[in-house]
Protein backbone atom coordinates (compact mmCIF):
# COMPACT_ATOMS: atom_id res chain seq x y z
CA UNK A 1 -4.60 21.23 55.66
CA UNK A 2 -2.59 20.75 52.46
CA UNK A 3 -3.93 18.26 49.95
CA UNK A 4 -1.49 18.79 47.08
CA UNK A 5 1.82 20.67 47.28
CA UNK A 6 2.16 20.43 43.51
CA UNK A 7 -1.11 22.31 43.01
CA UNK A 8 -0.05 25.07 45.41
CA UNK A 9 3.36 25.39 43.78
CA UNK A 10 1.67 25.58 40.39
CA UNK A 11 -0.67 28.29 41.70
CA UNK A 12 2.27 30.32 43.03
CA UNK A 13 4.07 30.07 39.69
CA UNK A 14 0.98 31.15 37.78
CA UNK A 15 0.49 34.14 40.09
CA UNK A 16 4.08 35.21 39.43
CA UNK A 17 3.45 34.94 35.68
CA UNK A 18 0.29 37.01 36.15
CA UNK A 19 2.29 39.76 37.87
CA UNK A 20 4.80 39.72 35.04
CA UNK A 21 1.99 40.09 32.49
CA UNK A 22 0.48 42.96 34.50
CA UNK A 23 3.70 44.96 34.28
CA UNK A 24 4.08 44.05 30.59
CA UNK A 25 0.87 45.89 29.68
CA UNK A 26 1.44 49.51 28.63
CA UNK A 27 0.29 52.44 30.76
CA UNK A 28 -1.89 53.69 27.90
CA UNK A 29 -3.77 50.39 27.72
CA UNK A 30 -4.29 50.33 31.50
CA UNK A 31 -5.59 53.90 31.64
CA UNK A 32 -7.74 53.62 28.52
CA UNK A 33 -9.22 50.21 29.32
CA UNK A 34 -12.97 49.89 28.82
CA UNK A 35 -13.23 46.66 30.79
CA UNK A 36 -10.98 45.13 33.41
CA UNK A 37 -10.62 41.97 35.49
CA UNK A 38 -8.53 42.30 38.69
CA UNK A 39 -5.35 44.10 37.56
CA UNK A 40 -5.82 43.12 33.90
CA UNK A 41 -7.30 45.50 31.30
CA UNK A 42 -9.32 43.41 28.84
CA UNK A 43 -10.60 45.79 26.19
CA UNK A 44 -9.07 48.94 24.73
CA UNK A 45 -10.04 51.36 21.97
CA UNK A 46 -8.01 49.32 19.46
CA UNK A 47 -9.51 45.98 20.50
CA UNK A 48 -8.77 43.29 23.03
CA UNK A 49 -5.53 43.20 25.05
CA UNK A 50 -3.88 39.78 24.66
CA UNK A 51 -1.80 39.93 27.84
CA UNK A 52 -4.87 41.00 29.80
CA UNK A 53 -6.92 38.06 28.55
CA UNK A 54 -4.11 35.54 29.14
CA UNK A 55 -3.44 36.95 32.60
CA UNK A 56 -7.10 36.75 33.57
CA UNK A 57 -7.32 33.10 32.49
CA UNK A 58 -4.10 32.18 34.33
CA UNK A 59 -5.30 33.96 37.47
CA UNK A 60 -8.55 31.97 37.49
CA UNK A 61 -6.59 28.75 36.99
CA UNK A 62 -4.29 29.71 39.88
CA UNK A 63 -7.27 30.19 42.20
CA UNK A 64 -8.66 26.83 41.07
CA UNK A 65 -5.33 25.17 41.89
CA UNK A 66 -5.40 26.74 45.37
CA UNK A 67 -8.81 25.19 45.96
CA UNK A 68 -7.50 21.80 44.77
CA UNK A 69 -4.36 22.08 46.88
CA UNK A 70 -6.05 22.72 50.23
CA UNK A 71 -8.23 20.58 52.44
CA UNK A 72 -9.52 23.38 54.68
CA UNK A 73 -10.04 27.14 54.53
CA UNK A 74 -10.05 26.97 50.73
CA UNK A 75 -12.44 29.81 49.94
CA UNK A 76 -11.07 31.98 52.75
CA UNK A 77 -7.58 31.51 51.31
CA UNK A 78 -8.80 32.31 47.80
CA UNK A 79 -10.35 35.57 49.04
CA UNK A 80 -7.14 36.56 50.85
CA UNK A 81 -5.00 35.73 47.79
CA UNK A 82 -7.29 37.77 45.52
CA UNK A 83 -7.08 40.82 47.81
CA UNK A 84 -3.29 40.58 48.23
CA UNK A 85 -2.80 40.08 44.51
CA UNK A 86 -4.94 43.13 43.74
CA UNK A 87 -2.75 45.25 46.04
CA UNK A 88 0.60 43.79 45.01
CA UNK A 89 1.25 45.90 41.85
CA UNK A 90 0.83 49.13 43.82
CA UNK A 91 3.04 47.83 46.64
CA UNK A 92 5.77 46.69 44.24
CA UNK A 93 5.69 49.96 42.29
CA UNK A 94 5.94 51.99 45.50
CA UNK A 95 8.84 49.82 46.72
CA UNK A 96 10.63 50.23 43.38
CA UNK A 97 10.16 54.01 43.37
CA UNK A 98 11.43 54.34 46.91
CA UNK A 99 14.58 52.29 46.26
CA UNK A 100 15.81 51.76 42.69
CA UNK A 101 13.86 54.15 40.45
CA UNK A 102 15.43 57.25 38.91
CA UNK A 103 14.30 59.98 36.52
CA UNK A 104 10.63 60.04 35.59
CA UNK A 105 10.24 56.47 36.87
CA UNK A 106 10.51 57.88 40.40
CA UNK A 107 7.56 60.26 39.89
CA UNK A 108 4.18 59.17 41.25
CA UNK A 109 0.71 60.68 40.85
CA UNK A 110 -2.25 60.01 43.14
CA UNK A 111 -4.74 60.05 40.25
CA UNK A 112 -6.92 62.78 41.79
CA UNK A 113 -6.01 65.67 39.50
CA UNK A 114 -8.76 67.78 37.95
CA UNK A 115 -9.27 70.43 35.29
CA UNK A 116 -11.85 73.21 35.02
CA UNK A 117 -12.82 75.01 31.82
CA UNK A 118 -14.75 78.21 31.29
CA UNK A 119 -15.58 79.97 28.03
CA UNK A 120 -14.55 83.64 28.01
CA UNK A 121 -15.39 84.35 24.37
CA UNK A 122 -16.18 82.66 21.09
CA UNK A 123 -12.56 81.71 20.51
CA UNK A 124 -11.06 81.69 23.99
CA UNK A 125 -11.25 79.32 26.91
CA UNK A 126 -9.94 79.62 30.44
CA UNK A 127 -8.37 76.39 31.64
CA UNK A 128 -7.18 75.49 35.12
CA UNK A 129 -5.69 72.14 36.17
CA UNK A 130 -4.57 71.01 39.61
CA UNK A 131 -2.69 67.83 40.51
CA UNK A 132 -0.03 66.50 42.87
CA UNK A 133 3.27 64.90 41.84
CA UNK A 134 5.73 63.19 44.17
CA UNK A 135 9.41 62.63 43.43
CA UNK A 136 10.53 59.58 45.45
CA UNK A 137 14.20 59.76 44.45
CA UNK A 138 17.08 61.59 46.12
CA UNK A 139 17.75 63.69 43.03
CA UNK A 140 15.80 66.42 41.27
CA UNK A 141 13.86 65.25 38.21
CA UNK A 142 13.13 67.46 35.19
CA UNK A 143 10.63 66.57 32.50
CA UNK A 144 8.08 67.85 30.01
CA UNK A 145 4.41 67.29 30.80
CA UNK A 146 1.67 66.78 28.21
CA UNK A 147 -2.02 66.58 29.10
CA UNK A 148 -4.06 63.66 27.75
CA UNK A 149 -7.80 63.42 27.16
CA UNK A 150 -9.56 60.91 29.38
CA UNK A 151 -11.95 59.88 26.61
CA UNK A 152 -10.02 57.70 24.17
CA UNK A 153 -12.61 57.84 21.38
CA UNK A 154 -11.19 59.32 18.18
CA UNK A 155 -14.19 61.63 17.62
CA UNK A 156 -14.53 62.71 21.26
CA UNK A 157 -14.75 66.34 22.35
CA UNK A 158 -11.31 67.62 23.34
CA UNK A 159 -10.94 68.52 27.00
CA UNK A 160 -7.72 68.13 29.00
CA UNK A 161 -5.50 68.05 25.90
CA UNK A 162 -6.56 71.63 25.16
CA UNK A 163 -4.10 72.70 27.85
CA UNK A 164 -1.29 71.66 25.49
CA UNK A 165 -2.14 74.66 23.30
CA UNK A 166 -0.27 76.76 25.86
CA UNK A 167 2.54 74.23 26.32
CA UNK A 168 5.05 72.76 26.53
CA UNK A 169 5.13 72.53 30.32
CA UNK A 170 8.62 71.94 31.70
CA UNK A 171 8.74 70.99 35.36
CA UNK A 172 11.46 70.17 37.86
CA UNK A 173 10.50 68.32 41.03
CA UNK A 174 13.18 68.49 43.71
CA UNK A 175 14.49 65.44 45.55
CA UNK A 176 11.79 63.78 47.71
CA UNK A 177 9.46 66.69 47.00
CA UNK A 178 5.68 66.32 46.92
CA UNK A 179 4.41 69.24 44.87
CA UNK A 180 0.94 70.59 44.26
CA UNK A 181 0.96 71.79 40.65
CA UNK A 182 -1.52 74.41 39.42
CA UNK A 183 -1.71 75.38 35.74
CA UNK A 184 -3.79 78.38 34.62
CA UNK A 185 -4.02 79.30 30.93
CA UNK A 186 -6.06 81.34 28.46
CA UNK A 187 -6.48 79.07 25.46
CA UNK A 188 -7.07 80.03 21.83
CA UNK A 189 -9.51 77.38 20.56
CA UNK A 190 -10.37 79.05 17.25
CA UNK A 191 -8.91 76.14 15.29
CA UNK A 192 -10.46 73.39 17.42
CA UNK A 193 -13.93 72.41 16.08
CA UNK A 194 -14.92 70.01 18.90
CA UNK A 195 -13.93 71.14 22.36
CA UNK A 196 -15.40 71.58 25.82
CA UNK A 197 -16.85 75.03 26.53
CA UNK A 198 -17.82 74.78 30.19
CA UNK A 199 -17.25 72.07 32.74
CA UNK A 200 -14.79 70.05 34.80
CA UNK A 201 -12.97 66.76 34.48
CA UNK A 202 -11.58 64.60 37.29
CA UNK A 203 -8.89 61.93 37.53
CA UNK A 204 -6.96 63.51 34.65
CA UNK A 205 -4.00 61.83 32.95
CA UNK A 206 -0.83 63.12 31.37
CA UNK A 207 2.43 62.02 29.79
CA UNK A 208 5.85 62.72 31.28
CA UNK A 209 8.82 62.93 28.88
CA UNK A 210 12.50 63.47 29.65
CA UNK A 211 13.97 63.11 26.17
CA UNK A 212 14.97 59.47 26.64
CA UNK A 213 11.76 57.89 27.88
CA UNK A 214 8.09 58.61 28.53
CA UNK A 215 5.47 57.54 31.06
CA UNK A 216 1.70 57.94 31.18
CA UNK A 217 0.20 58.67 34.59
């Protein structure tokens, strides 16, 4: 079944390098990516992402080495490796949060948060955001939360970030708590020329800050 052990070992090493590159890419680049290959963001508002391009090339080479290293079941193995590799960052992050992580690193977000906006006057807006946060550690975690706009274009209409007008939002999630967070605010948008007036946004993002570090979810 095995044609070349060297090729398979090389493929395994390249896949490990690919995982390292995946975790080396910033959260902002991953969330704001305009194009993506597997777990690698390729293009961002500021241009191309070098680690994403290198990782994509190395991943393709690794799959090619797997094909060279096997006599049988080559394409089936490639498909299985691609699926497992695509799931591995999430599995590793979950394992890390459940065991070694502390502070804001132990906070997870399912990505399904949403915000709703409704104009209640020429200069006022009603904003409501709902999302779920999970503290995987055995200690309470306190942090400041800042909403981020999903659209990364510099001239885009402001949406989620309008909620920061009523901030800062200081939260404490108890040990192993999974909390549904609901934020309701009346926002003064008189000084904001380009902003949403009516509508909803899904899969919102925000930044967590604890004074020493920050994460984007």
